[in-house]
Protein backbone atom coordinates (compact mmCIF):
# COMPACT_ATOMS: atom_id res chain seq x y z
CA MET A 1 56.92 -67.22 -47.05
CA SER A 2 59.61 -69.30 -45.33
CA ALA A 3 60.72 -66.28 -43.27
CA THR A 4 57.13 -65.74 -42.16
CA LEU A 5 56.75 -69.42 -41.32
CA ASN A 6 59.98 -69.44 -39.29
CA HIS A 7 58.79 -66.36 -37.42
CA LEU A 8 55.45 -68.03 -36.61
CA ILE A 9 57.24 -71.15 -35.34
CA GLU A 10 59.38 -68.98 -33.07
CA LEU A 11 56.30 -67.18 -31.74
CA ALA A 12 54.55 -70.49 -31.09
CA GLN A 13 57.39 -71.55 -28.84
CA GLU A 14 57.06 -68.44 -26.67
CA PRO A 15 54.87 -68.94 -23.57
CA SER A 16 54.19 -65.24 -22.85
CA SER A 17 50.68 -63.91 -23.49
CA ALA A 18 52.07 -60.96 -25.45
CA LYS A 19 53.83 -63.30 -27.86
CA ARG A 20 50.73 -65.47 -28.13
CA ARG A 21 48.66 -62.39 -29.04
CA GLU A 22 51.19 -61.49 -31.70
CA LEU A 23 51.07 -65.07 -32.99
CA LEU A 24 47.27 -64.96 -33.31
CA ARG A 25 47.44 -61.65 -35.15
CA GLN A 26 50.15 -62.93 -37.47
CA VAL A 27 48.26 -66.16 -38.23
CA THR A 28 45.10 -64.14 -38.90
CA ASN A 29 46.99 -61.82 -41.24
CA VAL A 30 48.45 -64.79 -43.12
CA PHE A 31 44.98 -66.31 -43.44
CA MET A 32 43.42 -63.02 -44.59
CA SER A 33 46.07 -62.57 -47.28
CA HIS A 34 44.60 -65.45 -49.33
CA PRO A 35 41.45 -66.91 -47.67
CA GLU A 36 39.90 -68.02 -50.98
CA GLU A 37 42.88 -70.35 -51.58
CA ILE A 38 42.49 -72.17 -48.28
CA ALA A 39 40.33 -75.30 -48.07
CA GLY A 40 40.15 -78.84 -46.74
CA PRO A 41 42.83 -79.94 -44.25
CA GLU A 42 44.58 -76.55 -44.42
CA MET A 43 41.37 -74.74 -43.42
CA ALA A 44 40.84 -77.22 -40.59
CA LEU A 45 44.37 -76.51 -39.34
CA TYR A 46 43.84 -72.75 -39.41
CA ASP A 47 40.53 -73.27 -37.59
CA GLU A 48 42.14 -75.36 -34.84
CA VAL A 49 45.10 -73.03 -34.32
CA MET A 50 43.12 -69.79 -34.41
CA SER A 51 40.34 -71.17 -32.20
CA GLN A 52 42.82 -72.36 -29.57
CA LEU A 53 44.78 -69.11 -29.58
CA SER A 54 41.69 -66.88 -29.48
CA ALA A 55 40.29 -68.80 -26.51
CA GLU A 56 43.34 -67.71 -24.54
CA MET A 57 43.00 -64.03 -25.47
CA GLU A 58 41.19 -61.17 -23.77
CA THR A 59 38.00 -59.70 -25.24
CA VAL A 60 39.66 -56.79 -27.02
CA VAL A 61 41.91 -59.14 -28.99
CA ARG A 62 39.00 -61.43 -29.94
CA ALA A 63 37.08 -58.36 -31.08
CA GLU A 64 40.00 -57.35 -33.28
CA ILE A 65 40.11 -60.81 -34.89
CA ALA A 66 36.32 -60.83 -35.37
CA LEU A 67 36.49 -57.48 -37.13
CA LYS A 68 39.03 -58.86 -39.60
CA LEU A 69 37.08 -62.06 -40.28
CA ALA A 70 33.64 -60.42 -40.60
CA ASN A 71 34.02 -59.57 -44.28
CA ALA A 72 35.96 -62.68 -45.34
CA LYS A 73 34.23 -64.70 -48.08
CA THR A 74 35.51 -67.89 -46.43
CA ALA A 75 36.55 -68.27 -42.81
CA PRO A 76 37.34 -70.98 -40.25
CA LEU A 77 33.78 -71.99 -39.29
CA GLY A 78 34.57 -73.34 -35.86
CA LEU A 79 36.20 -70.06 -34.87
CA LEU A 80 33.47 -68.03 -36.54
CA ARG A 81 30.73 -69.82 -34.60
CA ARG A 82 32.56 -69.31 -31.31
CA LEU A 83 32.99 -65.61 -32.04
CA ALA A 84 29.32 -65.30 -33.04
CA SER A 85 28.26 -66.42 -29.55
CA ASP A 86 30.98 -64.43 -27.78
CA ASP A 87 30.57 -61.12 -25.95
CA ILE A 88 28.58 -58.72 -28.16
CA SER A 89 31.64 -56.49 -28.69
CA VAL A 90 33.23 -59.54 -30.34
CA ALA A 91 30.15 -61.04 -31.97
CA GLU A 92 28.56 -57.96 -33.51
CA PRO A 93 30.63 -57.60 -36.71
CA ILE A 94 30.36 -61.36 -37.34
CA LEU A 95 26.59 -61.39 -36.80
CA THR A 96 25.87 -58.30 -38.86
CA ARG A 97 28.21 -58.91 -41.79
CA SER A 98 29.64 -62.41 -42.11
CA LYS A 99 28.25 -64.31 -45.09
CA SER A 100 30.01 -67.49 -43.97
CA LEU A 101 27.43 -68.14 -41.23
CA SER A 102 24.68 -70.50 -42.37
CA GLU A 103 20.97 -70.24 -41.57
CA THR A 104 21.49 -73.01 -39.00
CA ASP A 105 24.30 -71.00 -37.38
CA LEU A 106 22.08 -67.93 -37.15
CA LEU A 107 19.20 -69.96 -35.72
CA HIS A 108 21.51 -71.26 -32.99
CA VAL A 109 22.55 -67.72 -32.06
CA VAL A 110 19.04 -66.23 -31.95
CA SER A 111 17.76 -69.24 -30.01
CA THR A 112 20.45 -69.15 -27.33
CA GLN A 113 21.77 -65.60 -26.98
CA GLY A 114 20.45 -62.34 -25.56
CA GLN A 115 18.86 -59.22 -27.05
CA ASP A 116 22.13 -57.61 -28.23
CA HIS A 117 22.92 -60.66 -30.34
CA LEU A 118 19.35 -60.80 -31.70
CA ARG A 119 19.56 -57.13 -32.71
CA ALA A 120 22.86 -57.69 -34.48
CA VAL A 121 21.35 -60.55 -36.51
CA SER A 122 18.30 -58.35 -37.19
CA ARG A 123 20.53 -55.83 -38.97
CA ARG A 124 21.99 -58.34 -41.45
CA GLU A 125 21.64 -57.62 -45.15
CA ASP A 126 19.54 -60.76 -45.44
CA VAL A 127 17.61 -62.39 -42.59
CA PRO A 128 15.88 -65.70 -43.48
CA GLU A 129 12.22 -66.25 -42.56
CA SER A 130 13.02 -68.93 -40.01
CA VAL A 131 15.48 -66.65 -38.21
CA SER A 132 13.04 -63.73 -38.23
CA GLY A 133 10.41 -65.98 -36.68
CA VAL A 134 12.62 -66.79 -33.69
CA ILE A 135 13.63 -63.14 -33.29
CA VAL A 136 9.98 -62.06 -33.13
CA GLU A 137 9.25 -64.84 -30.64
CA ARG A 138 12.21 -64.08 -28.32
CA GLY A 139 12.96 -60.42 -29.01
CA ASP A 140 11.86 -57.41 -26.98
CA ASP A 141 10.20 -54.42 -28.66
CA THR A 142 13.52 -52.74 -29.48
CA THR A 143 14.78 -55.91 -31.14
CA VAL A 144 11.58 -56.48 -33.12
CA ASN A 145 11.64 -52.84 -34.20
CA THR A 146 15.17 -53.33 -35.53
CA LEU A 147 14.05 -56.37 -37.49
CA LEU A 148 10.93 -54.72 -38.95
CA ARG A 149 12.86 -51.67 -40.13
CA ASN A 150 15.27 -53.88 -42.08
CA ASP A 151 14.00 -54.39 -45.64
CA GLY A 152 16.37 -57.34 -45.96
CA ALA A 153 14.56 -59.26 -43.23
CA ARG A 154 12.04 -61.74 -44.63
CA LEU A 155 8.96 -62.53 -42.53
CA SER A 156 6.53 -65.38 -43.09
CA ARG A 157 2.77 -64.87 -42.97
CA ALA A 158 2.67 -66.48 -39.51
CA THR A 159 5.43 -64.18 -38.22
CA ASN A 160 3.66 -61.10 -39.61
CA GLU A 161 0.47 -62.19 -37.84
CA ALA A 162 2.41 -62.57 -34.59
CA VAL A 163 3.91 -59.10 -35.04
CA VAL A 164 0.52 -57.47 -35.65
CA GLN A 165 -1.10 -59.27 -32.72
CA ARG A 166 1.73 -58.09 -30.47
CA ALA A 167 1.56 -54.54 -31.83
CA GLN A 168 -2.12 -54.29 -30.83
CA THR A 169 -0.94 -53.69 -27.25
CA SER A 170 2.57 -52.37 -27.94
CA PRO A 171 2.63 -48.78 -29.28
CA ALA A 172 6.40 -48.97 -29.68
CA LEU A 173 5.87 -51.26 -32.68
CA HIS A 174 3.15 -49.26 -34.46
CA GLU A 175 5.28 -47.19 -36.81
CA ALA A 176 7.57 -50.06 -37.82
CA VAL A 177 4.58 -52.32 -38.57
CA VAL A 178 2.63 -49.78 -40.62
CA ASN A 179 5.72 -48.66 -42.57
CA ARG A 180 6.86 -52.20 -43.35
CA LYS A 181 6.88 -52.43 -47.16
CA ASP A 182 5.86 -56.08 -47.41
CA MET A 183 3.27 -56.13 -44.62
CA PRO A 184 0.15 -57.91 -45.98
CA ALA A 185 -2.65 -55.43 -46.61
CA ASP A 186 -5.20 -57.13 -44.36
CA LEU A 187 -2.75 -57.23 -41.45
CA MET A 188 -1.83 -53.57 -41.92
CA ASN A 189 -5.53 -52.71 -41.78
CA ASP A 190 -5.79 -54.65 -38.52
CA MET A 191 -3.67 -51.83 -37.09
CA TYR A 192 -6.05 -49.02 -38.10
CA PHE A 193 -7.92 -48.70 -34.80
CA VAL A 194 -4.84 -48.81 -32.57
CA VAL A 195 -2.45 -46.36 -34.27
CA GLU A 196 -2.29 -42.58 -34.24
CA ALA A 197 -3.68 -40.31 -36.95
CA ARG A 198 -0.55 -39.97 -39.12
CA LEU A 199 -0.19 -43.75 -39.30
CA ARG A 200 -3.87 -44.10 -40.16
CA GLU A 201 -3.19 -41.75 -43.07
CA ARG A 202 -0.37 -44.04 -44.16
CA ILE A 203 -2.74 -47.05 -44.10
CA MET A 204 -5.30 -45.14 -46.16
CA GLN A 205 -2.61 -44.14 -48.67
CA GLU A 206 -1.68 -47.79 -49.08
CA ASN A 207 -5.33 -48.80 -49.43
CA ALA A 208 -5.76 -46.23 -52.20
CA LYS A 209 -3.06 -48.02 -54.22
CA LEU A 210 -4.66 -51.45 -54.00
CA ASP A 211 -6.45 -52.93 -56.97
CA PRO A 212 -9.37 -55.36 -56.53
CA SER A 213 -7.30 -58.46 -57.30
CA VAL A 214 -4.80 -57.59 -54.58
CA ILE A 215 -7.60 -57.00 -52.10
CA GLU A 216 -9.20 -60.36 -52.94
CA GLN A 217 -5.86 -62.09 -52.50
CA ALA A 218 -5.33 -60.38 -49.15
CA LEU A 219 -8.81 -61.25 -47.95
CA SER A 220 -8.38 -64.89 -48.92
CA LYS A 221 -5.33 -65.16 -46.65
CA SER A 222 -6.73 -63.20 -43.75
CA ARG A 223 -7.81 -64.50 -40.41
CA ASN A 224 -11.48 -64.31 -39.45
CA THR A 225 -10.78 -62.74 -36.07
CA VAL A 226 -11.65 -59.56 -34.22
CA ALA A 227 -8.58 -57.36 -34.33
CA ILE A 228 -9.35 -55.43 -31.15
CA ALA A 229 -11.71 -55.91 -28.21
CA ASN A 230 -14.74 -53.69 -28.81
CA GLY A 231 -16.91 -54.86 -25.93
CA SER A 232 -20.18 -56.80 -25.90
CA PHE A 233 -23.42 -56.60 -27.82
CA PRO A 234 -26.21 -54.75 -25.95
CA ALA A 235 -29.20 -56.74 -24.75
CA ASP A 236 -31.49 -55.17 -27.36
CA TYR A 237 -29.06 -55.78 -30.24
CA GLU A 238 -30.89 -58.66 -31.94
CA LYS A 239 -34.32 -57.03 -31.75
CA ILE A 240 -33.23 -53.60 -33.01
CA CYS A 241 -30.92 -54.94 -35.69
CA ALA A 242 -33.70 -57.15 -37.04
CA GLU A 243 -35.93 -54.08 -37.40
CA VAL A 244 -33.13 -52.09 -39.02
CA GLU A 245 -32.43 -54.93 -41.45
CA ALA A 246 -36.13 -55.01 -42.39
CA LEU A 247 -36.06 -51.27 -43.06
CA TYR A 248 -32.95 -51.69 -45.18
CA THR A 249 -34.45 -54.57 -47.17
CA ASN A 250 -37.56 -52.46 -47.92
CA HIS A 251 -35.41 -49.43 -48.90
CA LYS A 252 -36.68 -47.43 -45.93
CA LEU A 253 -33.34 -47.05 -44.12
CA THR A 254 -32.64 -43.54 -45.39
CA PRO A 255 -30.04 -40.90 -44.43
CA SER A 256 -32.81 -38.83 -42.80
CA LEU A 257 -33.75 -41.80 -40.63
CA LEU A 258 -30.11 -42.27 -39.70
CA ALA A 259 -30.02 -38.60 -38.70
CA LYS A 260 -33.04 -39.22 -36.47
CA TYR A 261 -31.29 -42.22 -34.87
CA MET A 262 -28.29 -40.01 -34.09
CA ARG A 263 -30.32 -38.22 -31.47
CA ASP A 264 -32.18 -41.25 -30.14
CA PRO A 265 -31.48 -41.83 -26.41
CA ASN A 266 -30.85 -45.49 -27.21
CA PRO A 267 -27.55 -45.61 -29.18
CA THR A 268 -28.24 -49.14 -30.45
CA TRP A 269 -30.55 -47.74 -33.13
CA PHE A 270 -27.86 -45.54 -34.62
CA LEU A 271 -25.15 -48.19 -34.29
CA CYS A 272 -27.25 -50.85 -36.03
CA ALA A 273 -28.23 -48.42 -38.77
CA LEU A 274 -24.66 -47.19 -39.34
CA ALA A 275 -23.33 -50.76 -39.40
CA THR A 276 -25.98 -51.80 -41.91
CA MET A 277 -25.59 -48.80 -44.21
CA ALA A 278 -21.78 -48.89 -44.19
CA ASP A 279 -21.69 -52.72 -44.28
CA ILE A 280 -19.44 -53.01 -41.24
CA ASP A 281 -19.94 -55.13 -38.14
CA PHE A 282 -21.76 -53.78 -35.12
CA LEU A 283 -18.76 -53.95 -32.79
CA THR A 284 -16.62 -51.88 -35.14
CA ALA A 285 -19.40 -49.27 -35.39
CA LYS A 286 -19.67 -49.30 -31.59
CA HIS A 287 -15.94 -48.75 -31.24
CA VAL A 288 -15.96 -45.87 -33.75
CA VAL A 289 -18.73 -44.06 -31.90
CA GLU A 290 -17.74 -44.76 -28.30
CA LYS A 291 -14.08 -43.88 -28.88
CA ARG A 292 -15.04 -40.83 -30.96
CA GLU A 293 -13.03 -42.06 -33.95
CA ILE A 294 -14.21 -39.30 -36.28
CA ASP A 295 -11.78 -40.12 -39.08
CA ALA A 296 -13.06 -43.72 -39.00
CA LEU A 297 -16.63 -42.40 -38.97
CA ALA A 298 -15.76 -40.44 -42.12
CA ILE A 299 -14.70 -43.66 -43.83
CA ALA A 300 -17.90 -45.44 -42.78
CA CYS A 301 -20.14 -42.56 -43.88
CA LYS A 302 -18.31 -42.16 -47.19
CA ALA A 303 -18.62 -45.89 -47.88
CA ALA A 304 -22.36 -45.62 -47.08
CA ASP A 305 -22.55 -42.75 -49.59
CA LEU A 306 -23.92 -40.31 -47.01
CA GLU A 307 -23.98 -36.57 -47.55
CA LYS A 308 -21.20 -34.50 -46.02
CA SER A 309 -23.79 -32.55 -44.00
CA LEU A 310 -24.99 -35.73 -42.29
CA PHE A 311 -21.43 -36.73 -41.43
CA LEU A 312 -20.73 -33.25 -40.05
CA THR A 313 -23.91 -33.37 -37.95
CA TYR A 314 -22.74 -36.43 -36.09
CA ALA A 315 -19.14 -35.18 -35.97
CA MET A 316 -20.42 -32.11 -34.14
CA ILE A 317 -22.33 -34.32 -31.71
CA MET A 318 -19.15 -36.30 -31.00
CA LEU A 319 -17.06 -33.13 -30.61
CA ALA A 320 -19.61 -31.20 -28.55
CA THR A 321 -17.66 -31.43 -25.28
CA GLN A 322 -14.29 -30.48 -26.81
CA GLU A 323 -12.72 -27.07 -27.35
CA ASN A 324 -13.04 -25.47 -30.79
CA ALA A 325 -15.58 -28.10 -31.85
CA MET A 326 -16.66 -26.06 -34.88
CA GLY A 327 -13.09 -25.64 -36.11
CA ARG A 328 -12.27 -29.29 -35.70
CA ALA A 329 -15.51 -30.32 -37.42
CA SER A 330 -14.56 -28.08 -40.34
CA GLU A 331 -11.20 -29.87 -40.64
CA TYR A 332 -12.94 -33.24 -40.64
CA GLY A 333 -15.29 -31.90 -43.29
CA LYS A 334 -12.30 -31.22 -45.55
CA LEU A 335 -11.06 -34.75 -44.85
CA TYR A 336 -14.47 -36.09 -45.83
CA GLU A 337 -14.46 -34.20 -49.11
CA ALA A 338 -10.91 -35.30 -49.96
CA LEU A 339 -11.53 -38.97 -49.16
CA PRO A 340 -12.27 -40.94 -52.35
CA LYS A 341 -15.24 -43.24 -51.96
CA GLU A 342 -13.25 -46.03 -53.61
CA THR A 343 -10.55 -45.79 -50.92
CA ALA A 344 -13.20 -45.81 -48.20
CA MET A 345 -14.78 -48.90 -49.75
CA ARG A 346 -11.43 -50.70 -49.87
CA THR A 347 -10.83 -49.93 -46.20
CA ILE A 348 -14.34 -51.07 -45.28
CA ARG A 349 -13.67 -54.41 -46.99
CA PHE A 350 -10.87 -55.04 -44.52
CA TRP A 351 -13.03 -53.92 -41.62
CA ARG A 352 -15.56 -56.57 -42.57
CA LEU A 353 -13.02 -59.16 -41.47
CA ARG A 354 -13.56 -57.94 -37.95
CA ARG A 355 -16.98 -59.60 -37.79
CA ALA A 356 -17.43 -61.94 -34.86
CA GLU A 357 -20.18 -64.20 -33.63
CA GLY A 358 -21.53 -63.77 -30.15
CA HIS A 359 -19.53 -61.53 -27.84
CA ALA A 360 -16.09 -60.06 -28.37
CA ALA A 361 -13.42 -61.12 -25.90
């Protein structure tokens, strides 16, 4: 050890940058040979020396030192924090792997640095809730995607709500949100009307796994908000819905009457009847019909316990202007047969959260 120490003293006396680089590398190697034995004043000395030397070095040398320190169980914290906020080529191994950085250190980085640094933190084996919250608040879609795809990232209820609200208008986030393993069930169902068919299937698969107690727990935590803008209520909404409700109360709102409403020139009759029979809100029914959401219509009709033939009748009406309408209706018919009523009912329970008073925004 004395020979090594003498060599380091000699290097310290050399003013050339090449010798200073060698000194930093040598000091780092000495530290890395027994980091767990270093503490107190000795650690503070290493921190001071290595921080001062690294500040004088070019980026490539700092990156080399960062790579060596990234996996150390203990490290000079002052140096580590400087490297964590350095150029991303220096900071990345520290931010993705170092276990010496505290939650406070990570919060400082994600609150002050750019997207590259936020993405590096998002890839850590463990990302605390508080850090994830700041990343979602400050990160772009690529960064948030990185965070959501990391099972080691923990998100609070509030952060998950922020993610889902953002994803309503950001298709780039759809897959990551729906495939997130710990996404609350009610929030995942908020995504149903904005994602593509294969992701809707994923939501339905998850709904099929839910037991009643889980659903009740999810509903108790949910927000009573409209997940998407479905438009306004028509002027005749209150009058027609009152009549439909009276028919329903007197057991006169039958599938055959619903079939008649399908062809009524005034769509409010059918929408009020469908909403009442499926126990969904009017604006959701309106969205399903106006946007020709036939898979969603299948869920509503199955929950209302309607015959497949009645569902197919309206599916054909919705598909009338499209090519191969008969073939597509046949495919939806198979979907309708394969859809368990229990799964449809579970999904409908989440749709009920979409009720709103007055007009949707």
